[in-house]
Amino acid sequence: MNTWLYWAVPEHRVNHYLVLMCLALFVLPYILGVRYTILGYLINMIWLDMIYYWTYKFTEKNKKDKDDDTF
């Protein structure tokens, strides 16, 4: 968990990260009719960032494992 605090989005994924954050924080709530407070935006941004970190690390690990399995 501590590594997430010091992790930065890789340069080749910045556009993907920004689009995902905008969609999840602004577009999806607007479509669903949800309104957030400032604290709500902050909490959602934190857990979205954590989920993005976990999925990125999971895909990188799987990619590495897949590359190691090839002969």
PDB file of N, CA and C in Angstrom:
ATOM      1  N   MET A   1       0.826  -1.192   0.000  1.00  0.00           N
ATOM      2  CA  MET A   1       0.000   0.000   0.000  1.00  0.00           C
ATOM      3  C   MET A   1       0.868   1.253   0.000  1.00  0.00           C
ATOM      4  N   ASN A   2       1.984   1.204   0.689  1.00  0.00           N
ATOM      5  CA  ASN A   2       2.859   2.360   0.792  1.00  0.00           C
ATOM      6  C   ASN A   2       3.448   2.746  -0.563  1.00  0.00           C
ATOM      7  N   THR A   3       3.638   1.780  -1.458  1.00  0.00           N
ATOM      8  CA  THR A   3       4.198   2.104  -2.770  1.00  0.00           C
ATOM      9  C   THR A   3       3.238   2.944  -3.602  1.00  0.00           C
ATOM     10  N   TRP A   4       1.936   2.802  -3.364  1.00  0.00           N
ATOM     11  CA  TRP A   4       0.959   3.591  -4.103  1.00  0.00           C
ATOM     12  C   TRP A   4       1.138   5.084  -3.832  1.00  0.00           C
ATOM     13  N   LEU A   5       1.515   5.426  -2.606  1.00  0.00           N
ATOM     14  CA  LEU A   5       1.662   6.830  -2.246  1.00  0.00           C
ATOM     15  C   LEU A   5       2.754   7.537  -3.047  1.00  0.00           C
ATOM     16  N   TYR A   6       3.778   6.802  -3.444  1.00  0.00           N
ATOM     17  CA  TYR A   6       4.917   7.395  -4.145  1.00  0.00           C
ATOM     18  C   TYR A   6       4.939   7.069  -5.631  1.00  0.00           C
ATOM     19  N   TRP A   7       3.889   6.439  -6.106  1.00  0.00           N
ATOM     20  CA  TRP A   7       3.825   6.019  -7.499  1.00  0.00           C
ATOM     21  C   TRP A   7       3.342   7.163  -8.382  1.00  0.00           C
ATOM     22  N   ALA A   8       3.940   7.275  -9.568  1.00  0.00           N
ATOM     23  CA  ALA A   8       3.491   8.263 -10.555  1.00  0.00           C
ATOM     24  C   ALA A   8       3.036   7.521 -11.800  1.00  0.00           C
ATOM     25  N   VAL A   9       2.056   8.049 -12.452  1.00  0.00           N
ATOM     26  CA  VAL A   9       1.541   7.430 -13.671  1.00  0.00           C
ATOM     27  C   VAL A   9       2.646   7.464 -14.729  1.00  0.00           C
ATOM     28  N   PRO A  10       2.915   6.325 -15.374  1.00  0.00           N
ATOM     29  CA  PRO A  10       3.945   6.313 -16.422  1.00  0.00           C
ATOM     30  C   PRO A  10       3.583   7.276 -17.555  1.00  0.00           C
ATOM     31  N   GLU A  11       4.598   7.822 -18.164  1.00  0.00           N
ATOM     32  CA  GLU A  11       4.397   8.853 -19.183  1.00  0.00           C
ATOM     33  C   GLU A  11       3.526   8.380 -20.349  1.00  0.00           C
ATOM     34  N   HIS A  12       3.664   7.121 -20.732  1.00  0.00           N
ATOM     35  CA  HIS A  12       2.888   6.615 -21.870  1.00  0.00           C
ATOM     36  C   HIS A  12       1.423   6.357 -21.511  1.00  0.00           C
ATOM     37  N   ARG A  13       1.041   6.469 -20.223  1.00  0.00           N
ATOM     38  CA  ARG A  13      -0.334   6.234 -19.794  1.00  0.00           C
ATOM     39  C   ARG A  13      -1.035   7.484 -19.270  1.00  0.00           C
ATOM     40  N   VAL A  14      -0.406   8.634 -19.365  1.00  0.00           N
ATOM     41  CA  VAL A  14      -0.976   9.861 -18.793  1.00  0.00           C
ATOM     42  C   VAL A  14      -2.305  10.216 -19.467  1.00  0.00           C
ATOM     43  N   ASN A  15      -2.371  10.155 -20.786  1.00  0.00           N
ATOM     44  CA  ASN A  15      -3.622  10.486 -21.477  1.00  0.00           C
ATOM     45  C   ASN A  15      -4.748   9.553 -21.061  1.00  0.00           C
ATOM     46  N   HIS A  16      -4.467   8.264 -20.978  1.00  0.00           N
ATOM     47  CA  HIS A  16      -5.463   7.281 -20.553  1.00  0.00           C
ATOM     48  C   HIS A  16      -5.944   7.592 -19.132  1.00  0.00           C
ATOM     49  N   TYR A  17      -5.023   7.912 -18.253  1.00  0.00           N
ATOM     50  CA  TYR A  17      -5.347   8.238 -16.864  1.00  0.00           C
ATOM     51  C   TYR A  17      -6.240   9.478 -16.780  1.00  0.00           C
ATOM     52  N   LEU A  18      -5.879  10.523 -17.497  1.00  0.00           N
ATOM     53  CA  LEU A  18      -6.660  11.756 -17.455  1.00  0.00           C
ATOM     54  C   LEU A  18      -8.070  11.570 -18.010  1.00  0.00           C
ATOM     55  N   VAL A  19      -8.190  10.832 -19.103  1.00  0.00           N
ATOM     56  CA  VAL A  19      -9.513  10.566 -19.681  1.00  0.00           C
ATOM     57  C   VAL A  19     -10.354   9.746 -18.712  1.00  0.00           C
ATOM     58  N   LEU A  20      -9.765   8.730 -18.118  1.00  0.00           N
ATOM     59  CA  LEU A  20     -10.493   7.903 -17.158  1.00  0.00           C
ATOM     60  C   LEU A  20     -10.963   8.726 -15.962  1.00  0.00           C
ATOM     61  N   MET A  21     -10.088   9.564 -15.435  1.00  0.00           N
ATOM     62  CA  MET A  21     -10.463  10.390 -14.282  1.00  0.00           C
ATOM     63  C   MET A  21     -11.586  11.366 -14.640  1.00  0.00           C
ATOM     64  N   CYS A  22     -11.487  12.006 -15.791  1.00  0.00           N
ATOM     65  CA  CYS A  22     -12.545  12.944 -16.204  1.00  0.00           C
ATOM     66  C   CYS A  22     -13.874  12.233 -16.392  1.00  0.00           C
ATOM     67  N   LEU A  23     -13.830  11.076 -17.023  1.00  0.00           N
ATOM     68  CA  LEU A  23     -15.063  10.317 -17.224  1.00  0.00           C
ATOM     69  C   LEU A  23     -15.675   9.889 -15.899  1.00  0.00           C
ATOM     70  N   ALA A  24     -14.846   9.351 -15.012  1.00  0.00           N
ATOM     71  CA  ALA A  24     -15.356   8.815 -13.752  1.00  0.00           C
ATOM     72  C   ALA A  24     -15.759   9.905 -12.764  1.00  0.00           C
ATOM     73  N   LEU A  25     -15.086  11.035 -12.787  1.00  0.00           N
ATOM     74  CA  LEU A  25     -15.389  12.083 -11.808  1.00  0.00           C
ATOM     75  C   LEU A  25     -16.437  13.086 -12.282  1.00  0.00           C
ATOM     76  N   PHE A  26     -16.526  13.314 -13.587  1.00  0.00           N
ATOM     77  CA  PHE A  26     -17.421  14.361 -14.068  1.00  0.00           C
ATOM     78  C   PHE A  26     -18.525  13.854 -15.002  1.00  0.00           C
ATOM     79  N   VAL A  27     -18.171  13.079 -16.008  1.00  0.00           N
ATOM     80  CA  VAL A  27     -19.145  12.681 -17.026  1.00  0.00           C
ATOM     81  C   VAL A  27     -20.140  11.655 -16.483  1.00  0.00           C
ATOM     82  N   LEU A  28     -19.650  10.583 -15.891  1.00  0.00           N
ATOM     83  CA  LEU A  28     -20.548   9.543 -15.377  1.00  0.00           C
ATOM     84  C   LEU A  28     -21.498  10.067 -14.295  1.00  0.00           C
ATOM     85  N   PRO A  29     -21.023  10.818 -13.305  1.00  0.00           N
ATOM     86  CA  PRO A  29     -21.973  11.377 -12.327  1.00  0.00           C
ATOM     87  C   PRO A  29     -23.001  12.324 -12.966  1.00  0.00           C
ATOM     88  N   TYR A  30     -22.570  13.091 -13.978  1.00  0.00           N
ATOM     89  CA  TYR A  30     -23.510  13.986 -14.656  1.00  0.00           C
ATOM     90  C   TYR A  30     -24.608  13.189 -15.357  1.00  0.00           C
ATOM     91  N   ILE A  31     -24.204  12.107 -16.021  1.00  0.00           N
ATOM     92  CA  ILE A  31     -25.186  11.261 -16.715  1.00  0.00           C
ATOM     93  C   ILE A  31     -26.151  10.624 -15.727  1.00  0.00           C
ATOM     94  N   LEU A  32     -25.629  10.190 -14.580  1.00  0.00           N
ATOM     95  CA  LEU A  32     -26.465   9.529 -13.574  1.00  0.00           C
ATOM     96  C   LEU A  32     -27.205  10.506 -12.668  1.00  0.00           C
ATOM     97  N   GLY A  33     -26.913  11.792 -12.788  1.00  0.00           N
ATOM     98  CA  GLY A  33     -27.587  12.790 -11.972  1.00  0.00           C
ATOM     99  C   GLY A  33     -27.047  12.884 -10.555  1.00  0.00           C
ATOM    100  N   VAL A  34     -25.804  12.495 -10.349  1.00  0.00           N
ATOM    101  CA  VAL A  34     -25.184  12.537  -9.028  1.00  0.00           C
ATOM    102  C   VAL A  34     -24.409  13.838  -8.882  1.00  0.00           C
ATOM    103  N   ARG A  35     -24.492  14.437  -7.697  1.00  0.00           N
ATOM    104  CA  ARG A  35     -23.724  15.652  -7.414  1.00  0.00           C
ATOM    105  C   ARG A  35     -22.815  15.367  -6.232  1.00  0.00           C
ATOM    106  N   TYR A  36     -21.536  15.709  -6.377  1.00  0.00           N
ATOM    107  CA  TYR A  36     -20.560  15.500  -5.322  1.00  0.00           C
ATOM    108  C   TYR A  36     -20.245  16.799  -4.604  1.00  0.00           C
ATOM    109  N   THR A  37     -19.872  16.669  -3.345  1.00  0.00           N
ATOM    110  CA  THR A  37     -19.284  17.787  -2.617  1.00  0.00           C
ATOM    111  C   THR A  37     -17.784  17.760  -2.921  1.00  0.00           C
ATOM    112  N   ILE A  38     -17.055  18.737  -2.425  1.00  0.00           N
ATOM    113  CA  ILE A  38     -15.603  18.759  -2.609  1.00  0.00           C
ATOM    114  C   ILE A  38     -14.977  17.522  -1.979  1.00  0.00           C
ATOM    115  N   LEU A  39     -15.454  17.146  -0.796  1.00  0.00           N
ATOM    116  CA  LEU A  39     -14.948  15.944  -0.137  1.00  0.00           C
ATOM    117  C   LEU A  39     -15.281  14.701  -0.959  1.00  0.00           C
ATOM    118  N   GLY A  40     -16.436  14.665  -1.574  1.00  0.00           N
ATOM    119  CA  GLY A  40     -16.816  13.545  -2.421  1.00  0.00           C
ATOM    120  C   GLY A  40     -15.889  13.406  -3.617  1.00  0.00           C
ATOM    121  N   TYR A  41     -15.556  14.532  -4.256  1.00  0.00           N
ATOM    122  CA  TYR A  41     -14.605  14.488  -5.371  1.00  0.00           C
ATOM    123  C   TYR A  41     -13.244  13.992  -4.906  1.00  0.00           C
ATOM    124  N   LEU A  42     -12.801  14.457  -3.753  1.00  0.00           N
ATOM    125  CA  LEU A  42     -11.497  14.049  -3.232  1.00  0.00           C
ATOM    126  C   LEU A  42     -11.463  12.549  -2.935  1.00  0.00           C
ATOM    127  N   ILE A  43     -12.467  12.045  -2.248  1.00  0.00           N
ATOM    128  CA  ILE A  43     -12.517  10.619  -1.923  1.00  0.00           C
ATOM    129  C   ILE A  43     -12.598   9.779  -3.190  1.00  0.00           C
ATOM    130  N   ASN A  44     -13.435  10.175  -4.131  1.00  0.00           N
ATOM    131  CA  ASN A  44     -13.542   9.418  -5.381  1.00  0.00           C
ATOM    132  C   ASN A  44     -12.244   9.465  -6.174  1.00  0.00           C
ATOM    133  N   MET A  45     -11.566  10.596  -6.171  1.00  0.00           N
ATOM    134  CA  MET A  45     -10.295  10.693  -6.882  1.00  0.00           C
ATOM    135  C   MET A  45      -9.254   9.774  -6.251  1.00  0.00           C
ATOM    136  N   ILE A  46      -9.228   9.700  -4.930  1.00  0.00           N
ATOM    137  CA  ILE A  46      -8.264   8.838  -4.249  1.00  0.00           C
ATOM    138  C   ILE A  46      -8.526   7.371  -4.551  1.00  0.00           C
ATOM    139  N   TRP A  47      -9.792   6.913  -4.442  1.00  0.00           N
ATOM    140  CA  TRP A  47     -10.018   5.495  -4.678  1.00  0.00           C
ATOM    141  C   TRP A  47      -9.890   5.151  -6.158  1.00  0.00           C
ATOM    142  N   LEU A  48     -10.220   6.072  -7.053  1.00  0.00           N
ATOM    143  CA  LEU A  48      -9.998   5.813  -8.475  1.00  0.00           C
ATOM    144  C   LEU A  48      -8.504   5.697  -8.785  1.00  0.00           C
ATOM    145  N   ASP A  49      -7.706   6.543  -8.154  1.00  0.00           N
ATOM    146  CA  ASP A  49      -6.266   6.476  -8.339  1.00  0.00           C
ATOM    147  C   ASP A  49      -5.712   5.157  -7.817  1.00  0.00           C
ATOM    148  N   MET A  50      -6.204   4.703  -6.664  1.00  0.00           N
ATOM    149  CA  MET A  50      -5.761   3.415  -6.116  1.00  0.00           C
ATOM    150  C   MET A  50      -6.150   2.261  -7.039  1.00  0.00           C
ATOM    151  N   ILE A  51      -7.364   2.287  -7.549  1.00  0.00           N
ATOM    152  CA  ILE A  51      -7.810   1.226  -8.456  1.00  0.00           C
ATOM    153  C   ILE A  51      -6.978   1.246  -9.728  1.00  0.00           C
ATOM    154  N   TYR A  52      -6.682   2.433 -10.248  1.00  0.00           N
ATOM    155  CA  TYR A  52      -5.848   2.529 -11.447  1.00  0.00           C
ATOM    156  C   TYR A  52      -4.466   1.951 -11.176  1.00  0.00           C
ATOM    157  N   TYR A  53      -3.895   2.260 -10.022  1.00  0.00           N
ATOM    158  CA  TYR A  53      -2.583   1.721  -9.642  1.00  0.00           C
ATOM    159  C   TYR A  53      -2.622   0.199  -9.579  1.00  0.00           C
ATOM    160  N   TRP A  54      -3.619  -0.354  -8.891  1.00  0.00           N
ATOM    161  CA  TRP A  54      -3.701  -1.814  -8.762  1.00  0.00           C
ATOM    162  C   TRP A  54      -3.884  -2.498 -10.105  1.00  0.00           C
ATOM    163  N   THR A  55      -4.747  -1.954 -10.962  1.00  0.00           N
ATOM    164  CA  THR A  55      -4.948  -2.591 -12.262  1.00  0.00           C
ATOM    165  C   THR A  55      -3.713  -2.456 -13.142  1.00  0.00           C
ATOM    166  N   TYR A  56      -3.001  -1.339 -13.064  1.00  0.00           N
ATOM    167  CA  TYR A  56      -1.774  -1.174 -13.848  1.00  0.00           C
ATOM    168  C   TYR A  56      -0.721  -2.173 -13.383  1.00  0.00           C
ATOM    169  N   LYS A  57      -0.539  -2.297 -12.083  1.00  0.00           N
ATOM    170  CA  LYS A  57       0.450  -3.240 -11.558  1.00  0.00           C
ATOM    171  C   LYS A  57       0.059  -4.678 -11.896  1.00  0.00           C
ATOM    172  N   PHE A  58      -1.226  -4.997 -11.832  1.00  0.00           N
ATOM    173  CA  PHE A  58      -1.703  -6.341 -12.168  1.00  0.00           C
ATOM    174  C   PHE A  58      -1.434  -6.667 -13.634  1.00  0.00           C
ATOM    175  N   THR A  59      -1.728  -5.725 -14.535  1.00  0.00           N
ATOM    176  CA  THR A  59      -1.490  -5.989 -15.956  1.00  0.00           C
ATOM    177  C   THR A  59      -0.004  -6.073 -16.272  1.00  0.00           C
ATOM    178  N   GLU A  60       0.809  -5.254 -15.616  1.00  0.00           N
ATOM    179  CA  GLU A  60       2.255  -5.320 -15.829  1.00  0.00           C
ATOM    180  C   GLU A  60       2.816  -6.650 -15.341  1.00  0.00           C
ATOM    181  N   LYS A  61       2.325  -7.127 -14.199  1.00  0.00           N
ATOM    182  CA  LYS A  61       2.777  -8.416 -13.674  1.00  0.00           C
ATOM    183  C   LYS A  61       2.368  -9.544 -14.613  1.00  0.00           C
ATOM    184  N   ASN A  62       1.141  -9.508 -15.099  1.00  0.00           N
ATOM    185  CA  ASN A  62       0.682 -10.543 -16.028  1.00  0.00           C
ATOM    186  C   ASN A  62       1.453 -10.493 -17.331  1.00  0.00           C
ATOM    187  N   LYS A  63       1.764  -9.299 -17.808  1.00  0.00           N
ATOM    188  CA  LYS A  63       2.537  -9.169 -19.032  1.00  0.00           C
ATOM    189  C   LYS A  63       3.939  -9.753 -18.831  1.00  0.00           C
ATOM    190  N   LYS A  64       4.524  -9.476 -17.685  1.00  0.00           N
ATOM    191  CA  LYS A  64       5.866  -9.998 -17.386  1.00  0.00           C
ATOM    192  C   LYS A  64       5.832 -11.516 -17.266  1.00  0.00           C
ATOM    193  N   ASP A  65       4.813 -12.049 -16.582  1.00  0.00           N
ATOM    194  CA  ASP A  65       4.681 -13.501 -16.445  1.00  0.00           C
ATOM    195  C   ASP A  65       4.474 -14.163 -17.809  1.00  0.00           C
ATOM    196  N   LYS A  66       3.688 -13.518 -18.661  1.00  0.00           N
ATOM    197  CA  LYS A  66       3.435 -14.059 -19.991  1.00  0.00           C
ATOM    198  C   LYS A  66       4.714 -14.050 -20.820  1.00  0.00           C
ATOM    199  N   ASP A  67       5.505 -12.985 -20.714  1.00  0.00           N
ATOM    200  CA  ASP A  67       6.776 -12.917 -21.445  1.00  0.00           C
ATOM    201  C   ASP A  67       7.764 -13.967 -20.938  1.00  0.00           C
ATOM    202  N   ASP A  68       7.733 -14.257 -19.646  1.00  0.00           N
ATOM    203  CA  ASP A  68       8.636 -15.255 -19.079  1.00  0.00           C
ATOM    204  C   ASP A  68       8.248 -16.669 -19.492  1.00  0.00           C
ATOM    205  N   ASP A  69       6.966 -16.901 -19.789  1.00  0.00           N
ATOM    206  CA  ASP A  69       6.503 -18.242 -20.154  1.00  0.00           C
ATOM    207  C   ASP A  69       6.825 -18.607 -21.593  1.00  0.00           C
ATOM    208  N   THR A  70       7.112 -17.632 -22.441  1.00  0.00           N
ATOM    209  CA  THR A  70       7.400 -17.943 -23.836  1.00  0.00           C
ATOM    210  C   THR A  70       8.805 -18.516 -23.969  1.00  0.00           C
ATOM    211  N   PHE A  71       8.974 -19.398 -24.908  1.00  0.00           N
ATOM    212  CA  PHE A  71      10.275 -20.048 -25.094  1.00  0.00           C
ATOM    213  C   PHE A  71      11.039 -19.434 -26.218  1.00  0.00           C
TER     214      PHE A  71
END
